Amino acid sequence: MLYKIAFASSDGKVVNQHFGRTKQFLIVEVDDKDYKYVGTRFNEPSCQEFQHTEDALSQSIELISDCKAVFVARIGQGALAEVEAKGIKGIEAPYFIEDILEKVLNSKVNILDLY
């Protein structure tokens, strides 16, 4: 089954960005045996001074609306609820992107269902 995952990362290597503060999402397409980078989507951060604007939050979610999950370093509870209401798993995992993808591919169970 083919699906997309978004990663909040400033360097393309590590999940190191808060959902509301990330300026970009790396998009990776995953199937049962492999993955490939398909692009970077630039984002207007929705978090300003410890609060978010609803319009910017909605735009961030829309930007990744075709993804099954988004991996972030941190995500606030309000933003997480809105992300998950759109059917996207919000997962805090400040790790190397490649390591996350290997776990997704090599897990005997669908790792995205565990979150």
N, C-alpha and C. Protein backbone atom coordinates (compact mmCIF):
# COMPACT_ATOMS: atom_id res chain seq x y z
N MET A 1 0.84 -1.18 0.00
CA MET A 1 0.00 0.00 0.00
C MET A 1 0.88 1.25 0.00
N LEU A 2 0.65 2.14 -0.90
CA LEU A 2 1.43 3.36 -1.06
C LEU A 2 0.80 4.50 -0.24
N TYR A 3 1.64 5.19 0.54
CA TYR A 3 1.16 6.34 1.30
C TYR A 3 2.32 7.30 1.53
N LYS A 4 1.99 8.51 2.00
CA LYS A 4 2.98 9.55 2.24
C LYS A 4 3.10 9.84 3.73
N ILE A 5 4.32 10.21 4.12
CA ILE A 5 4.60 10.64 5.48
C ILE A 5 5.30 12.00 5.40
N ALA A 6 4.94 12.90 6.30
CA ALA A 6 5.59 14.22 6.39
C ALA A 6 6.52 14.24 7.59
N PHE A 7 7.64 14.94 7.44
CA PHE A 7 8.62 15.09 8.51
C PHE A 7 8.91 16.57 8.71
N ALA A 8 8.82 17.05 9.96
CA ALA A 8 9.16 18.43 10.28
C ALA A 8 10.66 18.48 10.57
N SER A 9 11.43 18.97 9.60
CA SER A 9 12.88 18.95 9.71
C SER A 9 13.49 20.18 9.04
N SER A 10 14.48 20.75 9.69
CA SER A 10 15.16 21.90 9.11
C SER A 10 16.35 21.49 8.25
N ASP A 11 16.85 20.26 8.45
CA ASP A 11 18.05 19.84 7.73
C ASP A 11 17.86 18.64 6.82
N GLY A 12 16.67 18.05 6.80
CA GLY A 12 16.40 16.91 5.95
C GLY A 12 16.95 15.60 6.47
N LYS A 13 17.52 15.62 7.65
CA LYS A 13 18.12 14.42 8.23
C LYS A 13 17.47 13.99 9.53
N VAL A 14 17.11 14.99 10.34
CA VAL A 14 16.59 14.72 11.68
C VAL A 14 15.23 15.41 11.84
N VAL A 15 14.31 14.75 12.51
CA VAL A 15 13.05 15.39 12.88
C VAL A 15 13.40 16.31 14.06
N ASN A 16 13.44 17.61 13.79
CA ASN A 16 13.94 18.54 14.80
C ASN A 16 13.09 19.80 14.94
N GLN A 17 11.88 19.77 14.40
CA GLN A 17 11.04 20.97 14.43
C GLN A 17 9.70 20.73 15.12
N HIS A 18 9.28 21.74 15.85
CA HIS A 18 7.95 21.77 16.45
C HIS A 18 6.94 21.96 15.31
N PHE A 19 5.81 21.29 15.38
CA PHE A 19 4.82 21.38 14.30
C PHE A 19 4.46 22.82 13.97
N GLY A 20 4.21 23.62 14.98
CA GLY A 20 3.77 24.99 14.76
C GLY A 20 4.87 25.95 14.34
N ARG A 21 6.11 25.51 14.45
CA ARG A 21 7.21 26.41 14.10
C ARG A 21 7.98 25.99 12.86
N THR A 22 7.66 24.84 12.30
CA THR A 22 8.44 24.36 11.16
C THR A 22 8.19 25.21 9.93
N LYS A 23 9.24 25.43 9.19
CA LYS A 23 9.15 26.20 7.94
C LYS A 23 9.04 25.29 6.74
N GLN A 24 9.18 23.97 6.98
CA GLN A 24 9.07 23.04 5.86
C GLN A 24 8.74 21.63 6.36
N PHE A 25 8.09 20.89 5.49
CA PHE A 25 7.83 19.47 5.71
C PHE A 25 8.49 18.70 4.57
N LEU A 26 9.28 17.69 4.91
CA LEU A 26 9.82 16.79 3.90
C LEU A 26 8.78 15.70 3.69
N ILE A 27 8.50 15.38 2.46
CA ILE A 27 7.48 14.39 2.14
C ILE A 27 8.15 13.15 1.55
N VAL A 28 7.81 12.01 2.13
CA VAL A 28 8.37 10.73 1.69
C VAL A 28 7.21 9.81 1.35
N GLU A 29 7.33 9.13 0.22
CA GLU A 29 6.34 8.16 -0.21
C GLU A 29 6.83 6.78 0.21
N VAL A 30 5.96 6.01 0.83
CA VAL A 30 6.31 4.70 1.39
C VAL A 30 5.39 3.64 0.80
N ASP A 31 5.97 2.49 0.47
CA ASP A 31 5.14 1.33 0.15
C ASP A 31 5.61 0.18 1.04
N ASP A 32 5.23 -1.03 0.75
CA ASP A 32 5.55 -2.15 1.62
C ASP A 32 7.05 -2.47 1.69
N LYS A 33 7.81 -2.09 0.69
CA LYS A 33 9.21 -2.51 0.62
C LYS A 33 10.22 -1.38 0.53
N ASP A 34 9.79 -0.18 0.25
CA ASP A 34 10.75 0.89 -0.01
C ASP A 34 10.14 2.25 0.29
N TYR A 35 10.97 3.27 0.23
CA TYR A 35 10.51 4.64 0.39
C TYR A 35 11.33 5.54 -0.53
N LYS A 36 10.75 6.69 -0.85
CA LYS A 36 11.51 7.67 -1.63
C LYS A 36 11.04 9.08 -1.27
N TYR A 37 12.00 9.98 -1.27
CA TYR A 37 11.74 11.39 -1.03
C TYR A 37 11.02 11.94 -2.26
N VAL A 38 9.89 12.62 -2.04
CA VAL A 38 9.14 13.15 -3.18
C VAL A 38 9.08 14.68 -3.20
N GLY A 39 9.54 15.33 -2.13
CA GLY A 39 9.56 16.77 -2.18
C GLY A 39 9.55 17.44 -0.83
N THR A 40 9.76 18.75 -0.87
CA THR A 40 9.70 19.58 0.32
C THR A 40 8.56 20.56 0.14
N ARG A 41 7.75 20.69 1.16
CA ARG A 41 6.64 21.65 1.13
C ARG A 41 6.93 22.75 2.14
N PHE A 42 6.99 23.96 1.64
CA PHE A 42 7.33 25.09 2.50
C PHE A 42 6.09 25.59 3.22
N ASN A 43 6.26 25.91 4.49
CA ASN A 43 5.17 26.18 5.41
C ASN A 43 5.33 27.54 6.07
N GLU A 44 4.24 28.21 6.29
CA GLU A 44 4.21 29.43 7.09
C GLU A 44 3.93 29.01 8.53
N PRO A 45 4.91 29.13 9.44
CA PRO A 45 4.70 28.66 10.81
C PRO A 45 3.45 29.26 11.44
N SER A 46 2.71 28.41 12.14
CA SER A 46 1.46 28.85 12.75
C SER A 46 1.64 29.30 14.19
N CYS A 47 2.75 28.97 14.81
CA CYS A 47 3.01 29.30 16.21
C CYS A 47 3.75 30.63 16.32
N GLN A 48 3.17 31.54 17.06
CA GLN A 48 3.80 32.83 17.32
C GLN A 48 3.63 33.13 18.81
N GLU A 49 4.74 33.31 19.51
CA GLU A 49 4.67 33.70 20.92
C GLU A 49 3.80 32.74 21.75
N PHE A 50 4.01 31.44 21.61
CA PHE A 50 3.33 30.40 22.38
C PHE A 50 1.84 30.28 22.11
N GLN A 51 1.39 30.79 20.99
CA GLN A 51 0.01 30.58 20.56
C GLN A 51 0.00 30.45 19.05
N HIS A 52 -1.08 29.88 18.52
CA HIS A 52 -1.13 29.72 17.07
C HIS A 52 -2.32 30.48 16.50
N THR A 53 -2.18 30.85 15.24
CA THR A 53 -3.30 31.47 14.56
C THR A 53 -4.07 30.35 13.85
N GLU A 54 -5.35 30.39 13.92
CA GLU A 54 -6.18 29.34 13.33
C GLU A 54 -5.99 29.21 11.83
N ASP A 55 -5.90 30.34 11.13
CA ASP A 55 -5.72 30.28 9.67
C ASP A 55 -4.40 29.61 9.30
N ALA A 56 -3.33 29.99 9.98
CA ALA A 56 -2.03 29.40 9.68
C ALA A 56 -2.00 27.93 10.04
N LEU A 57 -2.63 27.54 11.15
CA LEU A 57 -2.70 26.14 11.54
C LEU A 57 -3.45 25.34 10.49
N SER A 58 -4.57 25.86 10.04
CA SER A 58 -5.35 25.18 9.00
C SER A 58 -4.54 25.03 7.71
N GLN A 59 -3.79 26.05 7.36
CA GLN A 59 -2.96 25.98 6.15
C GLN A 59 -1.85 24.94 6.29
N SER A 60 -1.25 24.84 7.48
CA SER A 60 -0.22 23.83 7.72
C SER A 60 -0.79 22.43 7.58
N ILE A 61 -1.97 22.22 8.13
CA ILE A 61 -2.61 20.90 8.05
C ILE A 61 -3.00 20.59 6.61
N GLU A 62 -3.51 21.56 5.90
CA GLU A 62 -3.88 21.36 4.49
C GLU A 62 -2.66 21.00 3.65
N LEU A 63 -1.53 21.58 3.98
CA LEU A 63 -0.28 21.33 3.25
C LEU A 63 0.11 19.85 3.28
N ILE A 64 -0.23 19.15 4.36
CA ILE A 64 0.14 17.74 4.50
C ILE A 64 -1.10 16.83 4.51
N SER A 65 -2.20 17.32 4.00
CA SER A 65 -3.47 16.59 4.09
C SER A 65 -3.47 15.26 3.33
N ASP A 66 -2.53 15.08 2.40
CA ASP A 66 -2.45 13.81 1.67
C ASP A 66 -1.50 12.82 2.34
N CYS A 67 -1.03 13.15 3.55
CA CYS A 67 -0.10 12.28 4.28
C CYS A 67 -0.85 11.48 5.34
N LYS A 68 -0.36 10.28 5.58
CA LYS A 68 -0.93 9.40 6.60
C LYS A 68 -0.47 9.80 8.00
N ALA A 69 0.75 10.36 8.09
CA ALA A 69 1.33 10.74 9.38
C ALA A 69 2.26 11.92 9.21
N VAL A 70 2.48 12.62 10.33
CA VAL A 70 3.49 13.67 10.37
C VAL A 70 4.34 13.42 11.62
N PHE A 71 5.65 13.33 11.40
CA PHE A 71 6.60 13.16 12.49
C PHE A 71 7.18 14.52 12.84
N VAL A 72 7.14 14.86 14.12
CA VAL A 72 7.58 16.16 14.61
C VAL A 72 8.42 15.98 15.87
N ALA A 73 9.19 17.02 16.22
CA ALA A 73 9.91 16.98 17.49
C ALA A 73 8.94 17.22 18.64
N ARG A 74 8.00 18.13 18.44
CA ARG A 74 6.96 18.44 19.44
C ARG A 74 5.72 18.91 18.71
N ILE A 75 4.58 18.74 19.37
CA ILE A 75 3.30 19.26 18.85
C ILE A 75 2.39 19.52 20.05
N GLY A 76 1.77 20.68 20.09
CA GLY A 76 0.85 21.00 21.17
C GLY A 76 -0.42 20.18 21.08
N GLN A 77 -1.11 20.04 22.18
CA GLN A 77 -2.32 19.21 22.23
C GLN A 77 -3.43 19.73 21.31
N GLY A 78 -3.57 21.05 21.24
CA GLY A 78 -4.59 21.62 20.36
C GLY A 78 -4.32 21.34 18.90
N ALA A 79 -3.08 21.55 18.50
CA ALA A 79 -2.68 21.27 17.12
C ALA A 79 -2.79 19.79 16.81
N LEU A 80 -2.37 18.94 17.76
CA LEU A 80 -2.46 17.49 17.58
C LEU A 80 -3.91 17.07 17.35
N ALA A 81 -4.82 17.61 18.14
CA ALA A 81 -6.24 17.27 17.98
C ALA A 81 -6.74 17.66 16.59
N GLU A 82 -6.32 18.81 16.10
CA GLU A 82 -6.77 19.25 14.77
C GLU A 82 -6.14 18.41 13.65
N VAL A 83 -4.87 18.07 13.81
CA VAL A 83 -4.19 17.21 12.83
C VAL A 83 -4.89 15.86 12.75
N GLU A 84 -5.14 15.27 13.92
CA GLU A 84 -5.74 13.93 13.95
C GLU A 84 -7.21 13.95 13.51
N ALA A 85 -7.88 15.09 13.70
CA ALA A 85 -9.26 15.21 13.22
C ALA A 85 -9.33 15.14 11.70
N LYS A 86 -8.20 15.46 11.05
CA LYS A 86 -8.12 15.38 9.58
C LYS A 86 -7.61 14.02 9.11
N GLY A 87 -7.45 13.08 10.06
CA GLY A 87 -7.04 11.73 9.70
C GLY A 87 -5.54 11.55 9.54
N ILE A 88 -4.75 12.46 10.09
CA ILE A 88 -3.30 12.39 10.01
C ILE A 88 -2.77 12.05 11.41
N LYS A 89 -1.93 11.03 11.51
CA LYS A 89 -1.32 10.69 12.80
C LYS A 89 -0.23 11.71 13.11
N GLY A 90 -0.28 12.32 14.27
CA GLY A 90 0.77 13.23 14.72
C GLY A 90 1.66 12.49 15.69
N ILE A 91 2.96 12.36 15.35
CA ILE A 91 3.86 11.52 16.15
C ILE A 91 5.10 12.32 16.54
N GLU A 92 5.32 12.44 17.85
CA GLU A 92 6.54 13.08 18.35
C GLU A 92 7.66 12.06 18.31
N ALA A 93 8.66 12.32 17.48
CA ALA A 93 9.79 11.39 17.32
C ALA A 93 11.01 12.17 16.84
N PRO A 94 11.74 12.79 17.77
CA PRO A 94 12.90 13.59 17.38
C PRO A 94 14.12 12.71 17.08
N TYR A 95 14.05 11.98 15.99
CA TYR A 95 15.09 11.02 15.62
C TYR A 95 15.50 11.24 14.17
N PHE A 96 16.49 10.48 13.72
CA PHE A 96 16.90 10.54 12.33
C PHE A 96 15.77 10.02 11.44
N ILE A 97 15.50 10.73 10.37
CA ILE A 97 14.42 10.37 9.45
C ILE A 97 14.65 8.97 8.88
N GLU A 98 15.88 8.68 8.49
CA GLU A 98 16.18 7.37 7.92
C GLU A 98 15.88 6.25 8.91
N ASP A 99 16.20 6.46 10.20
CA ASP A 99 15.92 5.45 11.22
C ASP A 99 14.41 5.23 11.37
N ILE A 100 13.65 6.31 11.34
CA ILE A 100 12.19 6.19 11.44
C ILE A 100 11.66 5.40 10.26
N LEU A 101 12.12 5.74 9.06
CA LEU A 101 11.64 5.05 7.86
C LEU A 101 12.00 3.57 7.88
N GLU A 102 13.18 3.23 8.36
CA GLU A 102 13.57 1.81 8.46
C GLU A 102 12.66 1.08 9.43
N LYS A 103 12.31 1.71 10.54
CA LYS A 103 11.39 1.08 11.50
C LYS A 103 10.01 0.91 10.90
N VAL A 104 9.55 1.91 10.17
CA VAL A 104 8.24 1.81 9.52
C VAL A 104 8.24 0.63 8.54
N LEU A 105 9.30 0.50 7.76
CA LEU A 105 9.37 -0.56 6.76
C LEU A 105 9.59 -1.95 7.36
N ASN A 106 10.38 -2.04 8.41
CA ASN A 106 10.79 -3.34 8.93
C ASN A 106 9.96 -3.85 10.10
N SER A 107 9.01 -3.09 10.55
CA SER A 107 8.17 -3.53 11.66
C SER A 107 7.20 -4.62 11.19
N LYS A 108 7.02 -5.62 12.05
CA LYS A 108 6.08 -6.71 11.72
C LYS A 108 4.63 -6.24 11.83
N VAL A 109 4.42 -5.19 12.60
CA VAL A 109 3.09 -4.59 12.69
C VAL A 109 3.18 -3.21 12.06
N ASN A 110 2.07 -2.65 11.69
CA ASN A 110 2.08 -1.31 11.12
C ASN A 110 2.39 -0.33 12.24
N ILE A 111 3.62 0.16 12.25
CA ILE A 111 4.08 1.02 13.34
C ILE A 111 3.23 2.28 13.47
N LEU A 112 2.66 2.76 12.38
CA LEU A 112 1.84 3.97 12.45
C LEU A 112 0.55 3.71 13.22
N ASP A 113 0.11 2.46 13.27
CA ASP A 113 -1.09 2.13 14.03
C ASP A 113 -0.84 2.10 15.53
N LEU A 114 0.41 2.05 15.95
CA LEU A 114 0.74 2.00 17.37
C LEU A 114 0.62 3.35 18.06
N TYR A 115 0.64 4.41 17.29
CA TYR A 115 0.59 5.75 17.88
C TYR A 115 -0.83 6.24 17.99
